[in-house]
ModelCIF file with pLDDT and N, C-alpha, C, O atoms, coordinates in Angstrom:
data_MODEL
#
_entry.id   MODEL 
#
_entity.id                         1 
_entity.type                       polymer 
_entity.pdbx_number_of_molecules   1 
#
_entity_poly.entity_id                      1 
_entity_poly.type                           'polypeptide(L)' 
_entity_poly.nstd_linkage                   no 
_entity_poly.nstd_monomer                   no 
_entity_poly.pdbx_seq_one_letter_code       VNHYNLYLCALITYGCLLRPHQEVRQLKLKHISK 
_entity_poly.pdbx_seq_one_letter_code_can   VNHYNLYLCALITYGCLLRPHQEVRQLKLKHISK 
_entity_poly.pdbx_strand_id                 A 
#
loop_
_entity_poly_seq.entity_id 
_entity_poly_seq.num 
_entity_poly_seq.mon_id 
_entity_poly_seq.hetero 
1 1  VAL n 
1 2  ASN n 
1 3  HIS n 
1 4  TYR n 
1 5  ASN n 
1 6  LEU n 
1 7  TYR n 
1 8  LEU n 
1 9  CYS n 
1 10 ALA n 
1 11 LEU n 
1 12 ILE n 
1 13 THR n 
1 14 TYR n 
1 15 GLY n 
1 16 CYS n 
1 17 LEU n 
1 18 LEU n 
1 19 ARG n 
1 20 PRO n 
1 21 HIS n 
1 22 GLN n 
1 23 GLU n 
1 24 VAL n 
1 25 ARG n 
1 26 GLN n 
1 27 LEU n 
1 28 LYS n 
1 29 LEU n 
1 30 LYS n 
1 31 HIS n 
1 32 ILE n 
1 33 SER n 
1 34 LYS n 
#
_struct_asym.id          A 
_struct_asym.entity_id   1 
#
loop_
_ma_qa_metric.id 
_ma_qa_metric.mode 
_ma_qa_metric.name 
_ma_qa_metric.software_group_id 
_ma_qa_metric.type 
1 global pLDDT . pLDDT 
2 local  pLDDT . pLDDT 
#
_ma_qa_metric_global.metric_id      1 
_ma_qa_metric_global.metric_value   93.44 
_ma_qa_metric_global.model_id       1 
_ma_qa_metric_global.ordinal_id     1 
#
loop_
_ma_qa_metric_local.label_asym_id 
_ma_qa_metric_local.label_comp_id 
_ma_qa_metric_local.label_seq_id 
_ma_qa_metric_local.metric_id 
_ma_qa_metric_local.metric_value 
_ma_qa_metric_local.model_id 
_ma_qa_metric_local.ordinal_id 
A VAL 1  2 95.00 1 1  
A ASN 2  2 96.00 1 2  
A HIS 3  2 96.00 1 3  
A TYR 4  2 96.00 1 4  
A ASN 5  2 96.00 1 5  
A LEU 6  2 96.00 1 6  
A TYR 7  2 96.00 1 7  
A LEU 8  2 96.00 1 8  
A CYS 9  2 96.00 1 9  
A ALA 10 2 95.00 1 10 
A LEU 11 2 96.00 1 11 
A ILE 12 2 95.00 1 12 
A THR 13 2 94.00 1 13 
A TYR 14 2 94.00 1 14 
A GLY 15 2 93.00 1 15 
A CYS 16 2 92.00 1 16 
A LEU 17 2 89.00 1 17 
A LEU 18 2 91.00 1 18 
A ARG 19 2 89.00 1 19 
A PRO 20 2 91.00 1 20 
A HIS 21 2 88.00 1 21 
A GLN 22 2 85.00 1 22 
A GLU 23 2 90.00 1 23 
A VAL 24 2 94.00 1 24 
A ARG 25 2 93.00 1 25 
A GLN 26 2 92.00 1 26 
A LEU 27 2 94.00 1 27 
A LYS 28 2 94.00 1 28 
A LEU 29 2 94.00 1 29 
A LYS 30 2 94.00 1 30 
A HIS 31 2 95.00 1 31 
A ILE 32 2 95.00 1 32 
A SER 33 2 94.00 1 33 
A LYS 34 2 93.00 1 34 
#
loop_
_atom_site.group_PDB 
_atom_site.id 
_atom_site.type_symbol 
_atom_site.label_atom_id 
_atom_site.label_alt_id 
_atom_site.label_comp_id 
_atom_site.label_asym_id 
_atom_site.label_entity_id 
_atom_site.label_seq_id 
_atom_site.pdbx_PDB_ins_code 
_atom_site.Cartn_x 
_atom_site.Cartn_y 
_atom_site.Cartn_z 
_atom_site.occupancy 
_atom_site.B_iso_or_equiv 
_atom_site.pdbx_formal_charge 
_atom_site.auth_seq_id 
_atom_site.auth_comp_id 
_atom_site.auth_asym_id 
_atom_site.auth_atom_id 
_atom_site.pdbx_PDB_model_num 
ATOM 1   N N  . VAL A 1 1  ? -37.806 -18.833 5.323  1.00 95.00 ? 1  VAL A N  1 
ATOM 2   C CA . VAL A 1 1  ? -38.057 -20.222 4.480  1.00 95.00 ? 1  VAL A CA 1 
ATOM 3   C C  . VAL A 1 1  ? -36.624 -21.383 4.791  1.00 95.00 ? 1  VAL A C  1 
ATOM 4   O O  . VAL A 1 1  ? -36.643 -22.568 5.125  1.00 95.00 ? 1  VAL A O  1 
ATOM 5   N N  . ASN A 1 2  ? -35.452 -20.442 4.511  1.00 96.00 ? 2  ASN A N  1 
ATOM 6   C CA . ASN A 1 2  ? -34.505 -21.498 4.203  1.00 96.00 ? 2  ASN A CA 1 
ATOM 7   C C  . ASN A 1 2  ? -33.641 -21.261 5.452  1.00 96.00 ? 2  ASN A C  1 
ATOM 8   O O  . ASN A 1 2  ? -32.965 -22.260 5.700  1.00 96.00 ? 2  ASN A O  1 
ATOM 9   N N  . HIS A 1 3  ? -33.494 -20.479 6.120  1.00 96.00 ? 3  HIS A N  1 
ATOM 10  C CA . HIS A 1 3  ? -32.767 -20.312 7.566  1.00 96.00 ? 3  HIS A CA 1 
ATOM 11  C C  . HIS A 1 3  ? -33.382 -19.673 8.752  1.00 96.00 ? 3  HIS A C  1 
ATOM 12  O O  . HIS A 1 3  ? -33.086 -18.543 9.138  1.00 96.00 ? 3  HIS A O  1 
ATOM 13  N N  . TYR A 1 4  ? -34.084 -20.300 9.202  1.00 96.00 ? 4  TYR A N  1 
ATOM 14  C CA . TYR A 1 4  ? -35.226 -19.588 10.239 1.00 96.00 ? 4  TYR A CA 1 
ATOM 15  C C  . TYR A 1 4  ? -34.199 -18.936 11.578 1.00 96.00 ? 4  TYR A C  1 
ATOM 16  O O  . TYR A 1 4  ? -34.403 -17.862 12.144 1.00 96.00 ? 4  TYR A O  1 
ATOM 17  N N  . ASN A 1 5  ? -33.366 -19.655 11.801 1.00 96.00 ? 5  ASN A N  1 
ATOM 18  C CA . ASN A 1 5  ? -32.518 -19.106 13.148 1.00 96.00 ? 5  ASN A CA 1 
ATOM 19  C C  . ASN A 1 5  ? -31.898 -17.793 12.492 1.00 96.00 ? 5  ASN A C  1 
ATOM 20  O O  . ASN A 1 5  ? -31.859 -16.771 13.176 1.00 96.00 ? 5  ASN A O  1 
ATOM 21  N N  . LEU A 1 6  ? -31.391 -17.789 11.124 1.00 96.00 ? 6  LEU A N  1 
ATOM 22  C CA . LEU A 1 6  ? -30.744 -16.550 10.908 1.00 96.00 ? 6  LEU A CA 1 
ATOM 23  C C  . LEU A 1 6  ? -31.926 -15.248 10.352 1.00 96.00 ? 6  LEU A C  1 
ATOM 24  O O  . LEU A 1 6  ? -31.895 -14.021 10.253 1.00 96.00 ? 6  LEU A O  1 
ATOM 25  N N  . TYR A 1 7  ? -32.706 -16.107 10.140 1.00 96.00 ? 7  TYR A N  1 
ATOM 26  C CA . TYR A 1 7  ? -34.029 -14.786 9.862  1.00 96.00 ? 7  TYR A CA 1 
ATOM 27  C C  . TYR A 1 7  ? -34.445 -14.148 10.996 1.00 96.00 ? 7  TYR A C  1 
ATOM 28  O O  . TYR A 1 7  ? -34.855 -13.004 10.801 1.00 96.00 ? 7  TYR A O  1 
ATOM 29  N N  . LEU A 1 8  ? -34.466 -14.582 12.236 1.00 96.00 ? 8  LEU A N  1 
ATOM 30  C CA . LEU A 1 8  ? -34.779 -14.584 13.673 1.00 96.00 ? 8  LEU A CA 1 
ATOM 31  C C  . LEU A 1 8  ? -33.686 -13.668 14.032 1.00 96.00 ? 8  LEU A C  1 
ATOM 32  O O  . LEU A 1 8  ? -34.084 -12.601 14.499 1.00 96.00 ? 8  LEU A O  1 
ATOM 33  N N  . CYS A 1 9  ? -32.491 -13.798 13.942 1.00 96.00 ? 9  CYS A N  1 
ATOM 34  C CA . CYS A 1 9  ? -31.639 -12.956 14.029 1.00 96.00 ? 9  CYS A CA 1 
ATOM 35  C C  . CYS A 1 9  ? -31.282 -11.561 13.509 1.00 96.00 ? 9  CYS A C  1 
ATOM 36  O O  . CYS A 1 9  ? -30.930 -10.576 14.157 1.00 96.00 ? 9  CYS A O  1 
ATOM 37  N N  . ALA A 1 10 ? -31.473 -11.722 12.040 1.00 95.00 ? 10 ALA A N  1 
ATOM 38  C CA . ALA A 1 10 ? -32.044 -10.538 11.124 1.00 95.00 ? 10 ALA A CA 1 
ATOM 39  C C  . ALA A 1 10 ? -32.934 -9.821  11.749 1.00 95.00 ? 10 ALA A C  1 
ATOM 40  O O  . ALA A 1 10 ? -32.706 -8.629  11.954 1.00 95.00 ? 10 ALA A O  1 
ATOM 41  N N  . LEU A 1 11 ? -33.967 -10.345 12.116 1.00 96.00 ? 11 LEU A N  1 
ATOM 42  C CA . LEU A 1 11 ? -35.124 -9.744  12.545 1.00 96.00 ? 11 LEU A CA 1 
ATOM 43  C C  . LEU A 1 11 ? -35.211 -8.964  13.684 1.00 96.00 ? 11 LEU A C  1 
ATOM 44  O O  . LEU A 1 11 ? -36.000 -8.032  13.841 1.00 96.00 ? 11 LEU A O  1 
ATOM 45  N N  . ILE A 1 12 ? -34.148 -9.475  14.706 1.00 95.00 ? 12 ILE A N  1 
ATOM 46  C CA . ILE A 1 12 ? -33.846 -8.847  16.151 1.00 95.00 ? 12 ILE A CA 1 
ATOM 47  C C  . ILE A 1 12 ? -33.073 -7.945  15.906 1.00 95.00 ? 12 ILE A C  1 
ATOM 48  O O  . ILE A 1 12 ? -33.152 -6.987  16.675 1.00 95.00 ? 12 ILE A O  1 
ATOM 49  N N  . THR A 1 13 ? -32.102 -7.865  14.853 1.00 94.00 ? 13 THR A N  1 
ATOM 50  C CA . THR A 1 13 ? -30.859 -7.124  14.765 1.00 94.00 ? 13 THR A CA 1 
ATOM 51  C C  . THR A 1 13 ? -31.594 -5.728  14.188 1.00 94.00 ? 13 THR A C  1 
ATOM 52  O O  . THR A 1 13 ? -31.377 -4.655  14.751 1.00 94.00 ? 13 THR A O  1 
ATOM 53  N N  . TYR A 1 14 ? -32.553 -5.832  12.925 1.00 94.00 ? 14 TYR A N  1 
ATOM 54  C CA . TYR A 1 14 ? -33.373 -4.980  12.694 1.00 94.00 ? 14 TYR A CA 1 
ATOM 55  C C  . TYR A 1 14 ? -34.069 -4.153  13.532 1.00 94.00 ? 14 TYR A C  1 
ATOM 56  O O  . TYR A 1 14 ? -33.847 -2.945  13.616 1.00 94.00 ? 14 TYR A O  1 
ATOM 57  N N  . GLY A 1 15 ? -34.905 -4.746  14.159 1.00 93.00 ? 15 GLY A N  1 
ATOM 58  C CA . GLY A 1 15 ? -36.078 -4.355  14.620 1.00 93.00 ? 15 GLY A CA 1 
ATOM 59  C C  . GLY A 1 15 ? -35.621 -3.821  16.086 1.00 93.00 ? 15 GLY A C  1 
ATOM 60  O O  . GLY A 1 15 ? -36.154 -2.804  16.530 1.00 93.00 ? 15 GLY A O  1 
ATOM 61  N N  . CYS A 1 16 ? -34.624 -4.516  16.838 1.00 92.00 ? 16 CYS A N  1 
ATOM 62  C CA . CYS A 1 16 ? -34.243 -3.962  17.967 1.00 92.00 ? 16 CYS A CA 1 
ATOM 63  C C  . CYS A 1 16 ? -32.597 -3.164  17.881 1.00 92.00 ? 16 CYS A C  1 
ATOM 64  O O  . CYS A 1 16 ? -32.305 -2.566  18.916 1.00 92.00 ? 16 CYS A O  1 
ATOM 65  N N  . LEU A 1 17 ? -31.858 -3.132  17.092 1.00 89.00 ? 17 LEU A N  1 
ATOM 66  C CA . LEU A 1 17 ? -30.842 -2.552  16.624 1.00 89.00 ? 17 LEU A CA 1 
ATOM 67  C C  . LEU A 1 17 ? -29.787 -3.360  17.681 1.00 89.00 ? 17 LEU A C  1 
ATOM 68  O O  . LEU A 1 17 ? -28.931 -2.657  18.219 1.00 89.00 ? 17 LEU A O  1 
ATOM 69  N N  . LEU A 1 18 ? -29.806 -4.360  17.901 1.00 91.00 ? 18 LEU A N  1 
ATOM 70  C CA . LEU A 1 18 ? -28.850 -5.311  19.300 1.00 91.00 ? 18 LEU A CA 1 
ATOM 71  C C  . LEU A 1 18 ? -27.598 -5.772  18.092 1.00 91.00 ? 18 LEU A C  1 
ATOM 72  O O  . LEU A 1 18 ? -27.941 -5.589  16.925 1.00 91.00 ? 18 LEU A O  1 
ATOM 73  N N  . ARG A 1 19 ? -26.408 -6.261  18.285 1.00 89.00 ? 19 ARG A N  1 
ATOM 74  C CA . ARG A 1 19 ? -25.528 -6.429  17.626 1.00 89.00 ? 19 ARG A CA 1 
ATOM 75  C C  . ARG A 1 19 ? -25.613 -8.206  17.500 1.00 89.00 ? 19 ARG A C  1 
ATOM 76  O O  . ARG A 1 19 ? -25.757 -8.976  18.450 1.00 89.00 ? 19 ARG A O  1 
ATOM 77  N N  . PRO A 1 20 ? -25.490 -8.544  16.167 1.00 91.00 ? 20 PRO A N  1 
ATOM 78  C CA . PRO A 1 20 ? -25.917 -10.189 15.849 1.00 91.00 ? 20 PRO A CA 1 
ATOM 79  C C  . PRO A 1 20 ? -25.167 -11.227 16.767 1.00 91.00 ? 20 PRO A C  1 
ATOM 80  O O  . PRO A 1 20 ? -25.723 -12.051 17.494 1.00 91.00 ? 20 PRO A O  1 
ATOM 81  N N  . HIS A 1 21 ? -23.668 -11.030 16.593 1.00 88.00 ? 21 HIS A N  1 
ATOM 82  C CA . HIS A 1 21 ? -22.835 -12.284 16.918 1.00 88.00 ? 21 HIS A CA 1 
ATOM 83  C C  . HIS A 1 21 ? -22.825 -12.314 18.498 1.00 88.00 ? 21 HIS A C  1 
ATOM 84  O O  . HIS A 1 21 ? -22.531 -13.379 19.039 1.00 88.00 ? 21 HIS A O  1 
ATOM 85  N N  . GLN A 1 22 ? -23.161 -11.093 19.353 1.00 85.00 ? 22 GLN A N  1 
ATOM 86  C CA . GLN A 1 22 ? -23.186 -11.643 20.740 1.00 85.00 ? 22 GLN A CA 1 
ATOM 87  C C  . GLN A 1 22 ? -24.313 -11.274 21.619 1.00 85.00 ? 22 GLN A C  1 
ATOM 88  O O  . GLN A 1 22 ? -24.778 -11.906 22.567 1.00 85.00 ? 22 GLN A O  1 
ATOM 89  N N  . GLU A 1 23 ? -24.719 -9.962  21.055 1.00 90.00 ? 23 GLU A N  1 
ATOM 90  C CA . GLU A 1 23 ? -25.956 -9.575  21.815 1.00 90.00 ? 23 GLU A CA 1 
ATOM 91  C C  . GLU A 1 23 ? -27.262 -10.459 21.404 1.00 90.00 ? 23 GLU A C  1 
ATOM 92  O O  . GLU A 1 23 ? -27.896 -11.066 22.267 1.00 90.00 ? 23 GLU A O  1 
ATOM 93  N N  . VAL A 1 24 ? -27.542 -10.482 20.318 1.00 94.00 ? 24 VAL A N  1 
ATOM 94  C CA . VAL A 1 24 ? -28.458 -11.294 20.006 1.00 94.00 ? 24 VAL A CA 1 
ATOM 95  C C  . VAL A 1 24 ? -28.355 -12.825 20.040 1.00 94.00 ? 24 VAL A C  1 
ATOM 96  O O  . VAL A 1 24 ? -29.280 -13.511 20.474 1.00 94.00 ? 24 VAL A O  1 
ATOM 97  N N  . ARG A 1 25 ? -27.401 -13.260 19.650 1.00 93.00 ? 25 ARG A N  1 
ATOM 98  C CA . ARG A 1 25 ? -27.023 -14.976 19.638 1.00 93.00 ? 25 ARG A CA 1 
ATOM 99  C C  . ARG A 1 25 ? -27.084 -15.410 20.805 1.00 93.00 ? 25 ARG A C  1 
ATOM 100 O O  . ARG A 1 25 ? -27.434 -16.585 20.917 1.00 93.00 ? 25 ARG A O  1 
ATOM 101 N N  . GLN A 1 26 ? -26.776 -14.645 22.042 1.00 92.00 ? 26 GLN A N  1 
ATOM 102 C CA . GLN A 1 26 ? -26.807 -15.279 23.422 1.00 92.00 ? 26 GLN A CA 1 
ATOM 103 C C  . GLN A 1 26 ? -28.383 -15.029 24.239 1.00 92.00 ? 26 GLN A C  1 
ATOM 104 O O  . GLN A 1 26 ? -28.590 -15.282 25.426 1.00 92.00 ? 26 GLN A O  1 
ATOM 105 N N  . LEU A 1 27 ? -29.344 -14.496 23.305 1.00 94.00 ? 27 LEU A N  1 
ATOM 106 C CA . LEU A 1 27 ? -30.454 -14.023 24.195 1.00 94.00 ? 27 LEU A CA 1 
ATOM 107 C C  . LEU A 1 27 ? -31.156 -15.351 24.848 1.00 94.00 ? 27 LEU A C  1 
ATOM 108 O O  . LEU A 1 27 ? -31.248 -16.442 24.284 1.00 94.00 ? 27 LEU A O  1 
ATOM 109 N N  . LYS A 1 28 ? -31.553 -15.078 25.942 1.00 94.00 ? 28 LYS A N  1 
ATOM 110 C CA . LYS A 1 28 ? -32.407 -16.293 26.473 1.00 94.00 ? 28 LYS A CA 1 
ATOM 111 C C  . LYS A 1 28 ? -33.686 -15.772 27.017 1.00 94.00 ? 28 LYS A C  1 
ATOM 112 O O  . LYS A 1 28 ? -33.779 -14.550 27.132 1.00 94.00 ? 28 LYS A O  1 
ATOM 113 N N  . LEU A 1 29 ? -34.650 -16.495 27.357 1.00 94.00 ? 29 LEU A N  1 
ATOM 114 C CA . LEU A 1 29 ? -35.954 -16.372 27.700 1.00 94.00 ? 29 LEU A CA 1 
ATOM 115 C C  . LEU A 1 29 ? -36.107 -15.425 28.675 1.00 94.00 ? 29 LEU A C  1 
ATOM 116 O O  . LEU A 1 29 ? -37.160 -14.802 28.815 1.00 94.00 ? 29 LEU A O  1 
ATOM 117 N N  . LYS A 1 30 ? -34.963 -15.237 29.485 1.00 94.00 ? 30 LYS A N  1 
ATOM 118 C CA . LYS A 1 30 ? -35.241 -14.390 30.609 1.00 94.00 ? 30 LYS A CA 1 
ATOM 119 C C  . LYS A 1 30 ? -34.748 -12.839 30.465 1.00 94.00 ? 30 LYS A C  1 
ATOM 120 O O  . LYS A 1 30 ? -34.697 -12.011 31.374 1.00 94.00 ? 30 LYS A O  1 
ATOM 121 N N  . HIS A 1 31 ? -34.434 -12.676 29.230 1.00 95.00 ? 31 HIS A N  1 
ATOM 122 C CA . HIS A 1 31 ? -34.025 -11.386 28.841 1.00 95.00 ? 31 HIS A CA 1 
ATOM 123 C C  . HIS A 1 31 ? -35.264 -10.746 27.971 1.00 95.00 ? 31 HIS A C  1 
ATOM 124 O O  . HIS A 1 31 ? -35.289 -9.629  27.456 1.00 95.00 ? 31 HIS A O  1 
ATOM 125 N N  . ILE A 1 32 ? -36.122 -11.594 27.950 1.00 95.00 ? 32 ILE A N  1 
ATOM 126 C CA . ILE A 1 32 ? -37.329 -11.208 27.395 1.00 95.00 ? 32 ILE A CA 1 
ATOM 127 C C  . ILE A 1 32 ? -38.739 -10.959 28.111 1.00 95.00 ? 32 ILE A C  1 
ATOM 128 O O  . ILE A 1 32 ? -39.321 -11.945 28.564 1.00 95.00 ? 32 ILE A O  1 
ATOM 129 N N  . SER A 1 33 ? -39.342 -9.636  28.240 1.00 94.00 ? 33 SER A N  1 
ATOM 130 C CA . SER A 1 33 ? -40.413 -9.545  29.100 1.00 94.00 ? 33 SER A CA 1 
ATOM 131 C C  . SER A 1 33 ? -41.651 -10.482 28.937 1.00 94.00 ? 33 SER A C  1 
ATOM 132 O O  . SER A 1 33 ? -41.970 -10.911 27.828 1.00 94.00 ? 33 SER A O  1 
ATOM 133 N N  . LYS A 1 34 ? -42.376 -10.801 30.137 1.00 93.00 ? 34 LYS A N  1 
ATOM 134 C CA . LYS A 1 34 ? -43.188 -11.943 29.897 1.00 93.00 ? 34 LYS A CA 1 
ATOM 135 C C  . LYS A 1 34 ? -44.588 -11.298 28.514 1.00 93.00 ? 34 LYS A C  1 
ATOM 136 O O  . LYS A 1 34 ? -45.449 -12.074 28.099 1.00 93.00 ? 34 LYS A O  1 
#
């Protein structure tokens, strides 16, 4: 509700075990399968 980008980052960090400040922050559409 209050910090959506941070929410999405936390959700990916938790769900995919990626590191938030580099691996998650730099994710692009091309990194995600169709």
